[in-house]
Structure formats: structure tokens, C-alpha cells
């Protein structure tokens, strides 16, 4: 998200949902705009969000939340096994399911183009062409660490599969990556 926002806009906008934008601009204008979103493998996204918050997050609010909520857990696996649940993931922006950001209340996608983190370079080029802008994706907020697959055991894998079942199904993911890409196009 950081790389896409900075490459297209030069700054980091707030995390609004598609529903928020539809309210801000009105249904008619919203319907006329080209809308896109990037999604990411839920197992990878969760591990990345955890590391991001442990490293300080976006702002003071993230730092306070992480200090209060993540410090109780010995490591990522302990966090998944003892905190991740369908109820808890809605309590913090970085853990909310991606469907929350791109779908309406009935689970219908509100974007015209669904881009994937795993194919970020190609998808970004398609978006830039559609927007008729000359932009190149930069690399921001890179958080090197272990590959997400190496930090999950069977129990943690299953907890994430259940908590993020809608994202996994709608966006076509399995633990290893994209199983079948959702083909909406703008």
C-alpha cells in the first residue's frame, strides 16, 4: 500500500474503504471513477502487519496499540494462536479482512480492478496505463524477514484460514499464493 500510494500520489492517504469513498463522492460519481485495490495473501499479509506493528507501525496510535496488545505474546505464532479470531481481527485496522475495504455490506466487490501484491509490478503498470499517467512503482516500507510460510505451523495456518476465509475465497488464495485470480477488470 505504501509503495502504490507514494508512487501514484506522492503521499500516504488514510485507509478509507470503498464504501467510505462511495459516501464521500456520492454513488453516481463513485460509479464513474476507475476504482482499484491491491490484495495480498492473508497469511503473508497477517505476518507482515504483525512485523509492521512490532516495528512501530504508522503513527503513535499504532505504537501504543502494539505496546498494549502485542507485547503479551512471545512471538508471531503465539499471537496467532491466542489473539487471532473473527472477532479480534476487526479491532485493528491492520488486521481487518481485506473484504472490509473493497466490498459492500453484502460482500460484493466495489472496485473495477483487483490487483495483487504478488504481481504488483505488472498490475501497477496496468493501473498507470488506465489512469494515463507515467508512474513507476517505487519500493517503500520494505520489511525484510523470514518468509511467511516458514513461521506457520498447522494450527496457526488453520486459525488464519478460518479467520480470513472470505478473503481467501473471494481473492483466490491458498497458503502457497494465488490459486485463481479474481478476474474483474476496469
N, C-alpha and C. Protein backbone atom coordinates (compact mmCIF):
# COMPACT_ATOMS: atom_id res chain seq x y z
N UNK A 1 0.81 -1.19 0.00
CA UNK A 1 0.00 0.00 0.00
C UNK A 1 0.85 1.26 0.00
N UNK A 2 1.89 1.26 0.79
CA UNK A 2 2.76 2.42 0.87
C UNK A 2 3.42 2.68 -0.49
N UNK A 3 3.95 1.65 -1.13
CA UNK A 3 4.62 1.82 -2.42
C UNK A 3 3.66 2.33 -3.48
N UNK A 4 2.46 1.79 -3.53
CA UNK A 4 1.48 2.21 -4.53
C UNK A 4 1.07 3.66 -4.29
N UNK A 5 0.73 4.00 -3.05
CA UNK A 5 0.29 5.36 -2.73
C UNK A 5 1.36 6.40 -3.04
N UNK A 6 2.57 6.14 -2.60
CA UNK A 6 3.65 7.11 -2.83
C UNK A 6 3.98 7.23 -4.32
N UNK A 7 3.92 6.11 -5.04
CA UNK A 7 4.23 6.14 -6.47
C UNK A 7 3.17 6.88 -7.27
N UNK A 8 1.91 6.74 -6.89
CA UNK A 8 0.83 7.40 -7.62
C UNK A 8 0.55 8.82 -7.14
N UNK A 9 0.58 9.02 -5.82
CA UNK A 9 0.12 10.29 -5.25
C UNK A 9 1.22 11.10 -4.57
N UNK A 10 2.32 10.45 -4.23
CA UNK A 10 3.41 11.15 -3.55
C UNK A 10 3.22 11.26 -2.05
N UNK A 11 2.16 10.71 -1.54
CA UNK A 11 1.90 10.76 -0.09
C UNK A 11 1.08 9.53 0.31
N UNK A 12 0.87 9.39 1.60
CA UNK A 12 0.11 8.26 2.12
C UNK A 12 -1.29 8.72 2.53
N UNK A 13 -2.30 8.32 1.78
CA UNK A 13 -3.67 8.68 2.20
C UNK A 13 -4.11 7.78 3.35
N UNK A 14 -5.20 8.17 4.00
CA UNK A 14 -5.75 7.36 5.07
C UNK A 14 -6.36 6.08 4.48
N UNK A 15 -6.55 5.08 5.30
CA UNK A 15 -7.15 3.81 4.86
C UNK A 15 -8.68 3.92 4.81
N UNK A 16 -9.20 4.50 3.75
CA UNK A 16 -10.64 4.55 3.57
C UNK A 16 -11.12 3.28 2.91
N UNK A 17 -12.38 2.94 3.14
CA UNK A 17 -12.98 1.79 2.47
C UNK A 17 -13.66 2.26 1.19
N UNK A 18 -13.97 1.32 0.32
CA UNK A 18 -14.71 1.67 -0.90
C UNK A 18 -16.07 2.26 -0.53
N UNK A 19 -16.68 1.77 0.52
CA UNK A 19 -17.96 2.33 0.98
C UNK A 19 -17.77 3.78 1.42
N UNK A 20 -16.69 4.07 2.13
CA UNK A 20 -16.40 5.46 2.52
C UNK A 20 -16.31 6.36 1.30
N UNK A 21 -15.56 5.92 0.29
CA UNK A 21 -15.42 6.73 -0.92
C UNK A 21 -16.76 6.91 -1.63
N UNK A 22 -17.59 5.88 -1.61
CA UNK A 22 -18.91 6.00 -2.25
C UNK A 22 -19.77 7.04 -1.54
N UNK A 23 -19.63 7.12 -0.22
CA UNK A 23 -20.35 8.14 0.55
C UNK A 23 -19.75 9.53 0.28
N UNK A 24 -18.43 9.64 0.30
CA UNK A 24 -17.75 10.91 0.09
C UNK A 24 -18.09 11.52 -1.28
N UNK A 25 -18.04 10.71 -2.32
CA UNK A 25 -18.23 11.22 -3.68
C UNK A 25 -19.66 11.06 -4.21
N UNK A 26 -20.48 10.31 -3.52
CA UNK A 26 -21.83 10.03 -3.99
C UNK A 26 -21.82 8.84 -4.95
N UNK A 27 -22.90 8.10 -4.97
CA UNK A 27 -22.95 6.87 -5.77
C UNK A 27 -22.70 7.12 -7.26
N UNK A 28 -23.27 8.17 -7.79
CA UNK A 28 -23.14 8.43 -9.23
C UNK A 28 -21.69 8.72 -9.61
N UNK A 29 -21.06 9.65 -8.92
CA UNK A 29 -19.66 9.99 -9.21
C UNK A 29 -18.75 8.80 -8.92
N UNK A 30 -18.99 8.13 -7.82
CA UNK A 30 -18.21 6.94 -7.46
C UNK A 30 -18.29 5.91 -8.59
N UNK A 31 -19.47 5.72 -9.14
CA UNK A 31 -19.65 4.76 -10.22
C UNK A 31 -18.89 5.13 -11.49
N UNK A 32 -18.62 6.41 -11.68
CA UNK A 32 -17.91 6.87 -12.88
C UNK A 32 -16.40 6.76 -12.75
N UNK A 33 -15.89 6.74 -11.53
CA UNK A 33 -14.45 6.66 -11.31
C UNK A 33 -13.93 5.24 -11.56
N UNK A 34 -12.66 5.17 -11.96
CA UNK A 34 -11.96 3.89 -12.04
C UNK A 34 -11.46 3.59 -10.64
N UNK A 35 -11.87 2.48 -10.10
CA UNK A 35 -11.52 2.11 -8.73
C UNK A 35 -10.70 0.83 -8.74
N UNK A 36 -9.61 0.82 -8.00
CA UNK A 36 -8.77 -0.36 -7.92
C UNK A 36 -8.31 -0.57 -6.49
N UNK A 37 -7.90 -1.78 -6.21
CA UNK A 37 -7.35 -2.11 -4.90
C UNK A 37 -6.34 -3.23 -5.07
N UNK A 38 -5.34 -3.23 -4.21
CA UNK A 38 -4.38 -4.33 -4.15
C UNK A 38 -4.76 -5.23 -2.99
N UNK A 39 -4.69 -6.53 -3.21
CA UNK A 39 -4.91 -7.51 -2.15
C UNK A 39 -3.65 -8.34 -1.99
N UNK A 40 -3.58 -9.04 -0.87
CA UNK A 40 -2.38 -9.81 -0.55
C UNK A 40 -2.79 -11.12 0.11
N UNK A 41 -1.99 -12.14 -0.10
CA UNK A 41 -2.23 -13.43 0.54
C UNK A 41 -2.46 -13.20 2.03
N UNK A 42 -3.59 -13.65 2.59
CA UNK A 42 -3.90 -13.37 4.00
C UNK A 42 -2.86 -13.86 5.00
N UNK A 43 -2.22 -14.99 4.75
CA UNK A 43 -1.18 -15.47 5.67
C UNK A 43 0.03 -14.54 5.62
N UNK A 44 0.40 -14.13 4.43
CA UNK A 44 1.52 -13.21 4.26
C UNK A 44 1.18 -11.83 4.83
N UNK A 45 -0.02 -11.36 4.53
CA UNK A 45 -0.46 -10.04 5.00
C UNK A 45 -0.47 -9.97 6.53
N UNK A 46 -0.97 -11.01 7.17
CA UNK A 46 -1.03 -11.02 8.63
C UNK A 46 0.37 -10.97 9.23
N UNK A 47 1.27 -11.77 8.70
CA UNK A 47 2.64 -11.77 9.22
C UNK A 47 3.30 -10.41 9.00
N UNK A 48 3.07 -9.83 7.83
CA UNK A 48 3.62 -8.51 7.53
C UNK A 48 3.05 -7.44 8.46
N UNK A 49 1.75 -7.47 8.71
CA UNK A 49 1.12 -6.49 9.61
C UNK A 49 1.66 -6.62 11.03
N UNK A 50 1.82 -7.84 11.48
CA UNK A 50 2.36 -8.09 12.82
C UNK A 50 3.77 -7.47 12.94
N UNK A 51 4.63 -7.76 11.95
CA UNK A 51 6.00 -7.22 11.98
C UNK A 51 6.00 -5.70 11.88
N UNK A 52 5.12 -5.15 11.05
CA UNK A 52 5.00 -3.71 10.88
C UNK A 52 4.65 -3.04 12.20
N UNK A 53 3.67 -3.60 12.89
CA UNK A 53 3.26 -3.02 14.18
C UNK A 53 4.33 -3.21 15.25
N UNK A 54 4.98 -4.35 15.25
CA UNK A 54 6.07 -4.58 16.22
C UNK A 54 7.21 -3.58 16.01
N UNK A 55 7.38 -3.13 14.76
CA UNK A 55 8.45 -2.18 14.44
C UNK A 55 8.01 -0.73 14.65
N UNK A 56 6.78 -0.51 15.09
CA UNK A 56 6.33 0.84 15.38
C UNK A 56 5.13 1.32 14.59
N UNK A 57 4.81 0.64 13.49
CA UNK A 57 3.62 0.98 12.73
C UNK A 57 3.68 2.32 12.05
N UNK A 58 2.52 2.87 11.78
CA UNK A 58 2.36 4.11 11.01
C UNK A 58 2.55 5.35 11.88
N UNK A 59 1.99 5.32 13.11
CA UNK A 59 1.97 6.52 13.92
C UNK A 59 1.94 6.14 15.41
N UNK A 60 1.77 7.16 16.23
CA UNK A 60 1.75 6.95 17.68
C UNK A 60 0.61 6.03 18.11
N UNK A 61 -0.52 6.14 17.46
CA UNK A 61 -1.67 5.26 17.76
C UNK A 61 -1.29 3.79 17.54
N UNK A 62 -0.59 3.50 16.43
CA UNK A 62 -0.13 2.13 16.17
C UNK A 62 0.87 1.69 17.23
N UNK A 63 1.80 2.58 17.60
CA UNK A 63 2.82 2.23 18.60
C UNK A 63 2.18 1.90 19.95
N UNK A 64 1.20 2.70 20.33
CA UNK A 64 0.51 2.45 21.61
C UNK A 64 -0.26 1.13 21.54
N UNK A 65 -0.97 0.91 20.43
CA UNK A 65 -1.73 -0.33 20.29
C UNK A 65 -0.80 -1.54 20.35
N UNK A 66 0.31 -1.48 19.62
CA UNK A 66 1.25 -2.59 19.61
C UNK A 66 1.84 -2.83 21.00
N UNK A 67 2.22 -1.77 21.69
CA UNK A 67 2.79 -1.92 23.03
C UNK A 67 1.78 -2.54 23.99
N UNK A 68 0.54 -2.17 23.85
CA UNK A 68 -0.52 -2.66 24.73
C UNK A 68 -0.95 -4.08 24.38
N UNK A 69 -1.03 -4.39 23.09
CA UNK A 69 -1.62 -5.65 22.66
C UNK A 69 -0.64 -6.72 22.19
N UNK A 70 0.46 -6.34 21.59
CA UNK A 70 1.38 -7.35 21.06
C UNK A 70 2.44 -7.79 22.06
N UNK A 71 2.71 -6.96 23.04
CA UNK A 71 3.78 -7.28 23.99
C UNK A 71 3.44 -8.49 24.85
N UNK A 72 2.19 -8.86 24.91
CA UNK A 72 1.77 -10.02 25.72
C UNK A 72 2.14 -11.35 25.08
N UNK A 73 2.56 -11.33 23.82
CA UNK A 73 2.83 -12.56 23.09
C UNK A 73 4.32 -12.74 22.84
N UNK A 74 4.79 -13.97 23.00
CA UNK A 74 6.21 -14.28 22.85
C UNK A 74 6.71 -14.13 21.42
N UNK A 75 5.84 -14.42 20.45
CA UNK A 75 6.24 -14.39 19.05
C UNK A 75 4.98 -14.40 18.18
N UNK A 76 5.18 -14.41 16.89
CA UNK A 76 4.06 -14.36 15.96
C UNK A 76 3.12 -15.56 16.14
N UNK A 77 3.66 -16.75 16.25
CA UNK A 77 2.83 -17.94 16.39
C UNK A 77 1.98 -17.87 17.65
N UNK A 78 2.56 -17.42 18.74
CA UNK A 78 1.81 -17.24 19.99
C UNK A 78 0.69 -16.22 19.79
N UNK A 79 0.97 -15.14 19.09
CA UNK A 79 -0.04 -14.13 18.77
C UNK A 79 -1.19 -14.73 17.97
N UNK A 80 -0.87 -15.47 16.92
CA UNK A 80 -1.92 -16.07 16.09
C UNK A 80 -2.78 -17.02 16.92
N UNK A 81 -2.15 -17.87 17.68
CA UNK A 81 -2.89 -18.90 18.42
C UNK A 81 -3.72 -18.33 19.56
N UNK A 82 -3.33 -17.20 20.09
CA UNK A 82 -4.02 -16.67 21.26
C UNK A 82 -4.77 -15.35 21.06
N UNK A 83 -4.64 -14.76 19.87
CA UNK A 83 -5.34 -13.50 19.64
C UNK A 83 -6.22 -13.52 18.39
N UNK A 84 -5.75 -14.14 17.32
CA UNK A 84 -6.49 -14.11 16.06
C UNK A 84 -7.80 -14.87 16.19
N UNK A 85 -8.88 -14.16 15.91
CA UNK A 85 -10.22 -14.74 15.85
C UNK A 85 -11.04 -13.81 14.96
N UNK A 86 -12.17 -14.30 14.44
CA UNK A 86 -13.00 -13.40 13.62
C UNK A 86 -13.39 -12.12 14.35
N UNK A 87 -13.58 -12.19 15.65
CA UNK A 87 -13.94 -11.01 16.43
C UNK A 87 -12.76 -10.06 16.59
N UNK A 88 -11.61 -10.57 16.95
CA UNK A 88 -10.44 -9.73 17.22
C UNK A 88 -9.89 -9.04 15.98
N UNK A 89 -9.92 -9.70 14.84
CA UNK A 89 -9.32 -9.08 13.66
C UNK A 89 -10.03 -7.81 13.23
N UNK A 90 -11.25 -7.63 13.68
CA UNK A 90 -11.98 -6.39 13.37
C UNK A 90 -11.61 -5.24 14.30
N UNK A 91 -10.81 -5.51 15.32
CA UNK A 91 -10.48 -4.50 16.32
C UNK A 91 -9.34 -3.56 15.92
N UNK A 92 -8.60 -3.90 14.88
CA UNK A 92 -7.49 -3.04 14.47
C UNK A 92 -7.42 -2.98 12.96
N UNK A 93 -7.22 -1.80 12.44
CA UNK A 93 -7.20 -1.54 11.01
C UNK A 93 -6.30 -2.51 10.24
N UNK A 94 -5.12 -2.77 10.74
CA UNK A 94 -4.14 -3.59 10.02
C UNK A 94 -4.49 -5.06 9.99
N UNK A 95 -5.45 -5.49 10.79
CA UNK A 95 -5.83 -6.90 10.83
C UNK A 95 -7.21 -7.15 10.22
N UNK A 96 -7.93 -6.10 9.88
CA UNK A 96 -9.26 -6.30 9.30
C UNK A 96 -9.15 -7.05 7.98
N UNK A 97 -10.13 -7.89 7.69
CA UNK A 97 -10.11 -8.59 6.40
C UNK A 97 -10.12 -7.58 5.25
N UNK A 98 -9.49 -7.94 4.16
CA UNK A 98 -9.42 -7.06 3.00
C UNK A 98 -10.79 -6.81 2.39
N UNK A 99 -11.69 -7.77 2.55
CA UNK A 99 -13.07 -7.60 2.06
C UNK A 99 -13.72 -6.36 2.68
N UNK A 100 -13.36 -6.07 3.92
CA UNK A 100 -13.89 -4.90 4.61
C UNK A 100 -13.61 -3.62 3.83
N UNK A 101 -12.48 -3.56 3.15
CA UNK A 101 -12.07 -2.36 2.44
C UNK A 101 -12.62 -2.27 1.02
N UNK A 102 -12.89 -3.40 0.38
CA UNK A 102 -13.23 -3.37 -1.05
C UNK A 102 -14.62 -3.87 -1.39
N UNK A 103 -15.38 -4.33 -0.41
CA UNK A 103 -16.71 -4.88 -0.67
C UNK A 103 -17.79 -4.06 0.01
N UNK A 104 -19.01 -4.23 -0.48
CA UNK A 104 -20.14 -3.61 0.20
C UNK A 104 -20.60 -4.53 1.33
N UNK A 105 -21.66 -4.17 2.00
CA UNK A 105 -22.12 -4.94 3.16
C UNK A 105 -22.66 -6.32 2.79
N UNK A 106 -22.89 -6.54 1.50
CA UNK A 106 -23.36 -7.86 1.03
C UNK A 106 -22.22 -8.68 0.44
N UNK A 107 -20.99 -8.17 0.56
CA UNK A 107 -19.83 -8.92 0.08
C UNK A 107 -19.54 -8.76 -1.40
N UNK A 108 -20.16 -7.79 -2.05
CA UNK A 108 -19.92 -7.55 -3.47
C UNK A 108 -18.76 -6.58 -3.64
N UNK A 109 -17.86 -6.89 -4.58
CA UNK A 109 -16.71 -6.03 -4.84
C UNK A 109 -17.17 -4.68 -5.38
N UNK A 110 -16.57 -3.61 -4.87
CA UNK A 110 -16.89 -2.25 -5.31
C UNK A 110 -15.77 -1.63 -6.13
N UNK A 111 -14.78 -2.41 -6.50
CA UNK A 111 -13.68 -1.89 -7.30
C UNK A 111 -13.78 -2.44 -8.72
N UNK A 112 -13.17 -1.73 -9.66
CA UNK A 112 -13.18 -2.13 -11.06
C UNK A 112 -12.02 -3.04 -11.41
N UNK A 113 -10.94 -2.90 -10.68
CA UNK A 113 -9.75 -3.71 -10.97
C UNK A 113 -9.17 -4.20 -9.65
N UNK A 114 -9.01 -5.51 -9.55
CA UNK A 114 -8.43 -6.11 -8.37
C UNK A 114 -6.99 -6.49 -8.70
N UNK A 115 -6.05 -5.82 -8.06
CA UNK A 115 -4.63 -6.05 -8.29
C UNK A 115 -4.09 -6.89 -7.13
N UNK A 116 -3.00 -7.57 -7.39
CA UNK A 116 -2.44 -8.49 -6.41
C UNK A 116 -1.02 -8.08 -6.03
N UNK A 117 -0.75 -8.11 -4.75
CA UNK A 117 0.59 -7.82 -4.23
C UNK A 117 1.63 -8.72 -4.90
N UNK A 118 1.24 -9.96 -5.13
CA UNK A 118 2.17 -10.94 -5.70
C UNK A 118 2.54 -10.62 -7.15
N UNK A 119 1.75 -9.80 -7.82
CA UNK A 119 2.03 -9.38 -9.20
C UNK A 119 2.02 -7.85 -9.27
N UNK A 120 2.57 -7.22 -8.24
CA UNK A 120 2.47 -5.78 -8.07
C UNK A 120 3.04 -4.99 -9.25
N UNK A 121 4.16 -5.41 -9.80
CA UNK A 121 4.76 -4.65 -10.90
C UNK A 121 3.85 -4.64 -12.13
N UNK A 122 3.38 -5.79 -12.56
CA UNK A 122 2.50 -5.86 -13.73
C UNK A 122 1.17 -5.15 -13.48
N UNK A 123 0.59 -5.36 -12.32
CA UNK A 123 -0.70 -4.73 -12.02
C UNK A 123 -0.56 -3.21 -11.92
N UNK A 124 0.53 -2.75 -11.33
CA UNK A 124 0.74 -1.30 -11.24
C UNK A 124 0.85 -0.68 -12.63
N UNK A 125 1.55 -1.35 -13.54
CA UNK A 125 1.67 -0.85 -14.92
C UNK A 125 0.29 -0.75 -15.58
N UNK A 126 -0.55 -1.75 -15.37
CA UNK A 126 -1.90 -1.73 -15.95
C UNK A 126 -2.71 -0.57 -15.38
N UNK A 127 -2.59 -0.34 -14.09
CA UNK A 127 -3.32 0.75 -13.44
C UNK A 127 -2.82 2.11 -13.96
N UNK A 128 -1.51 2.26 -14.04
CA UNK A 128 -0.94 3.52 -14.53
C UNK A 128 -1.40 3.79 -15.97
N UNK A 129 -1.41 2.75 -16.80
CA UNK A 129 -1.90 2.93 -18.18
C UNK A 129 -3.37 3.33 -18.19
N UNK A 130 -4.16 2.70 -17.36
CA UNK A 130 -5.60 3.01 -17.30
C UNK A 130 -5.83 4.44 -16.83
N UNK A 131 -5.00 4.90 -15.89
CA UNK A 131 -5.11 6.27 -15.39
C UNK A 131 -4.42 7.27 -16.31
N UNK A 132 -3.73 6.75 -17.31
CA UNK A 132 -3.00 7.58 -18.28
C UNK A 132 -1.97 8.47 -17.59
N UNK A 133 -1.21 7.84 -16.71
CA UNK A 133 -0.14 8.56 -16.03
C UNK A 133 1.18 7.81 -16.24
N UNK A 134 2.24 8.55 -16.19
CA UNK A 134 3.57 7.97 -16.32
C UNK A 134 4.14 7.81 -14.91
N UNK A 135 3.97 6.65 -14.37
CA UNK A 135 4.44 6.40 -13.00
C UNK A 135 5.12 5.04 -12.93
N UNK A 136 6.11 4.97 -12.08
CA UNK A 136 6.84 3.73 -11.84
C UNK A 136 6.71 3.41 -10.37
N UNK A 137 6.45 2.16 -10.07
CA UNK A 137 6.29 1.77 -8.66
C UNK A 137 7.64 1.79 -7.96
N UNK A 138 7.70 2.49 -6.84
CA UNK A 138 8.89 2.50 -6.01
C UNK A 138 8.77 1.45 -4.93
N UNK A 139 9.82 1.26 -4.20
CA UNK A 139 9.77 0.31 -3.09
C UNK A 139 9.88 1.08 -1.79
N UNK A 140 8.79 1.01 -1.02
CA UNK A 140 8.71 1.68 0.27
C UNK A 140 8.23 0.68 1.31
N UNK A 141 8.55 0.93 2.55
CA UNK A 141 8.07 0.10 3.65
C UNK A 141 8.46 -1.37 3.48
N UNK A 142 9.66 -1.61 2.99
CA UNK A 142 10.14 -2.97 2.84
C UNK A 142 10.57 -3.46 4.22
N UNK A 143 10.04 -4.60 4.61
CA UNK A 143 10.33 -5.14 5.93
C UNK A 143 10.88 -6.55 5.75
N UNK A 144 12.19 -6.66 5.52
CA UNK A 144 12.76 -7.99 5.30
C UNK A 144 12.65 -8.85 6.55
N UNK A 145 12.49 -10.09 6.33
CA UNK A 145 12.39 -11.04 7.44
C UNK A 145 12.16 -12.41 6.88
N UNK A 146 11.81 -13.32 7.74
CA UNK A 146 11.53 -14.67 7.30
C UNK A 146 10.35 -14.68 6.33
N UNK A 147 10.38 -15.62 5.41
CA UNK A 147 9.24 -15.80 4.51
C UNK A 147 8.05 -16.28 5.35
N UNK A 148 6.88 -15.75 5.05
CA UNK A 148 5.71 -16.05 5.88
C UNK A 148 5.44 -17.54 6.04
N UNK A 149 5.69 -18.34 5.01
CA UNK A 149 5.39 -19.77 5.10
C UNK A 149 6.21 -20.48 6.18
N UNK A 150 7.38 -19.93 6.49
CA UNK A 150 8.26 -20.58 7.47
C UNK A 150 7.82 -20.35 8.91
N UNK A 151 6.90 -19.41 9.16
CA UNK A 151 6.54 -19.10 10.55
C UNK A 151 5.22 -19.73 10.99
N UNK A 152 4.56 -20.44 10.09
CA UNK A 152 3.28 -21.05 10.43
C UNK A 152 3.42 -22.54 10.70
N UNK A 153 2.81 -22.99 11.78
CA UNK A 153 2.63 -24.43 11.96
C UNK A 153 1.20 -24.75 11.55
N UNK A 154 0.79 -26.00 11.62
CA UNK A 154 -0.54 -26.41 11.14
C UNK A 154 -1.67 -25.69 11.88
N UNK A 155 -1.52 -25.54 13.19
CA UNK A 155 -2.57 -24.90 13.98
C UNK A 155 -2.72 -23.42 13.61
N UNK A 156 -1.61 -22.71 13.51
CA UNK A 156 -1.65 -21.29 13.14
C UNK A 156 -2.20 -21.12 11.73
N UNK A 157 -1.78 -22.00 10.82
CA UNK A 157 -2.31 -21.98 9.45
C UNK A 157 -3.83 -22.06 9.46
N UNK A 158 -4.36 -23.00 10.21
CA UNK A 158 -5.81 -23.22 10.24
C UNK A 158 -6.57 -22.05 10.87
N UNK A 159 -6.01 -21.47 11.90
CA UNK A 159 -6.64 -20.31 12.55
C UNK A 159 -6.79 -19.17 11.55
N UNK A 160 -5.74 -18.90 10.79
CA UNK A 160 -5.79 -17.83 9.79
C UNK A 160 -6.76 -18.20 8.66
N UNK A 161 -6.75 -19.45 8.24
CA UNK A 161 -7.67 -19.90 7.19
C UNK A 161 -9.12 -19.66 7.58
N UNK A 162 -9.44 -19.88 8.84
CA UNK A 162 -10.81 -19.69 9.31
C UNK A 162 -11.13 -18.20 9.50
N UNK A 163 -10.22 -17.46 10.08
CA UNK A 163 -10.47 -16.04 10.35
C UNK A 163 -10.59 -15.22 9.06
N UNK A 164 -9.83 -15.58 8.05
CA UNK A 164 -9.81 -14.84 6.80
C UNK A 164 -10.41 -15.64 5.64
N UNK A 165 -11.35 -16.49 5.93
CA UNK A 165 -11.95 -17.38 4.92
C UNK A 165 -12.56 -16.60 3.75
N UNK A 166 -13.21 -15.48 4.02
CA UNK A 166 -13.84 -14.71 2.94
C UNK A 166 -12.79 -14.13 2.00
N UNK A 167 -11.71 -13.58 2.54
CA UNK A 167 -10.63 -13.06 1.70
C UNK A 167 -10.02 -14.19 0.85
N UNK A 168 -9.77 -15.31 1.47
CA UNK A 168 -9.15 -16.44 0.77
C UNK A 168 -10.02 -16.89 -0.39
N UNK A 169 -11.31 -17.00 -0.14
CA UNK A 169 -12.24 -17.44 -1.18
C UNK A 169 -12.41 -16.39 -2.28
N UNK A 170 -12.71 -15.17 -1.91
CA UNK A 170 -13.01 -14.13 -2.89
C UNK A 170 -11.81 -13.78 -3.77
N UNK A 171 -10.63 -13.75 -3.19
CA UNK A 171 -9.45 -13.33 -3.93
C UNK A 171 -8.67 -14.49 -4.54
N UNK A 172 -9.09 -15.73 -4.26
CA UNK A 172 -8.50 -16.91 -4.89
C UNK A 172 -7.16 -17.33 -4.34
N UNK A 173 -6.97 -17.19 -3.05
CA UNK A 173 -5.69 -17.56 -2.45
C UNK A 173 -5.72 -18.96 -1.83
N UNK A 174 -4.55 -19.53 -1.71
CA UNK A 174 -4.31 -20.63 -0.79
C UNK A 174 -2.99 -20.29 -0.10
N UNK A 175 -2.54 -21.14 0.78
CA UNK A 175 -1.36 -20.83 1.58
C UNK A 175 -0.13 -20.51 0.72
N UNK A 176 -0.02 -21.17 -0.43
CA UNK A 176 1.15 -21.01 -1.29
C UNK A 176 1.10 -19.79 -2.21
N UNK A 177 -0.04 -19.14 -2.31
CA UNK A 177 -0.14 -17.97 -3.17
C UNK A 177 -1.50 -17.87 -3.83
N UNK A 178 -1.50 -17.38 -5.07
CA UNK A 178 -2.74 -17.20 -5.81
C UNK A 178 -3.13 -18.53 -6.44
N UNK A 179 -4.28 -19.05 -6.05
CA UNK A 179 -4.81 -20.27 -6.61
C UNK A 179 -5.53 -19.95 -7.92
N UNK A 180 -6.41 -18.95 -7.86
CA UNK A 180 -7.13 -18.49 -9.03
C UNK A 180 -7.44 -17.03 -8.85
N UNK A 181 -6.89 -16.23 -9.69
CA UNK A 181 -7.03 -14.77 -9.62
C UNK A 181 -8.46 -14.36 -9.92
N UNK A 182 -9.01 -13.45 -9.13
CA UNK A 182 -10.32 -12.89 -9.42
C UNK A 182 -10.13 -11.96 -10.62
N UNK A 183 -10.87 -12.16 -11.66
CA UNK A 183 -10.62 -11.50 -12.95
C UNK A 183 -11.45 -10.26 -13.23
N UNK A 184 -11.86 -9.50 -12.22
CA UNK A 184 -12.58 -8.28 -12.54
C UNK A 184 -11.62 -7.31 -13.21
N UNK A 185 -12.09 -6.62 -14.20
CA UNK A 185 -11.24 -5.71 -14.96
C UNK A 185 -11.95 -4.39 -15.14
N UNK A 186 -11.19 -3.29 -15.19
CA UNK A 186 -11.76 -1.97 -15.42
C UNK A 186 -11.47 -1.47 -16.79
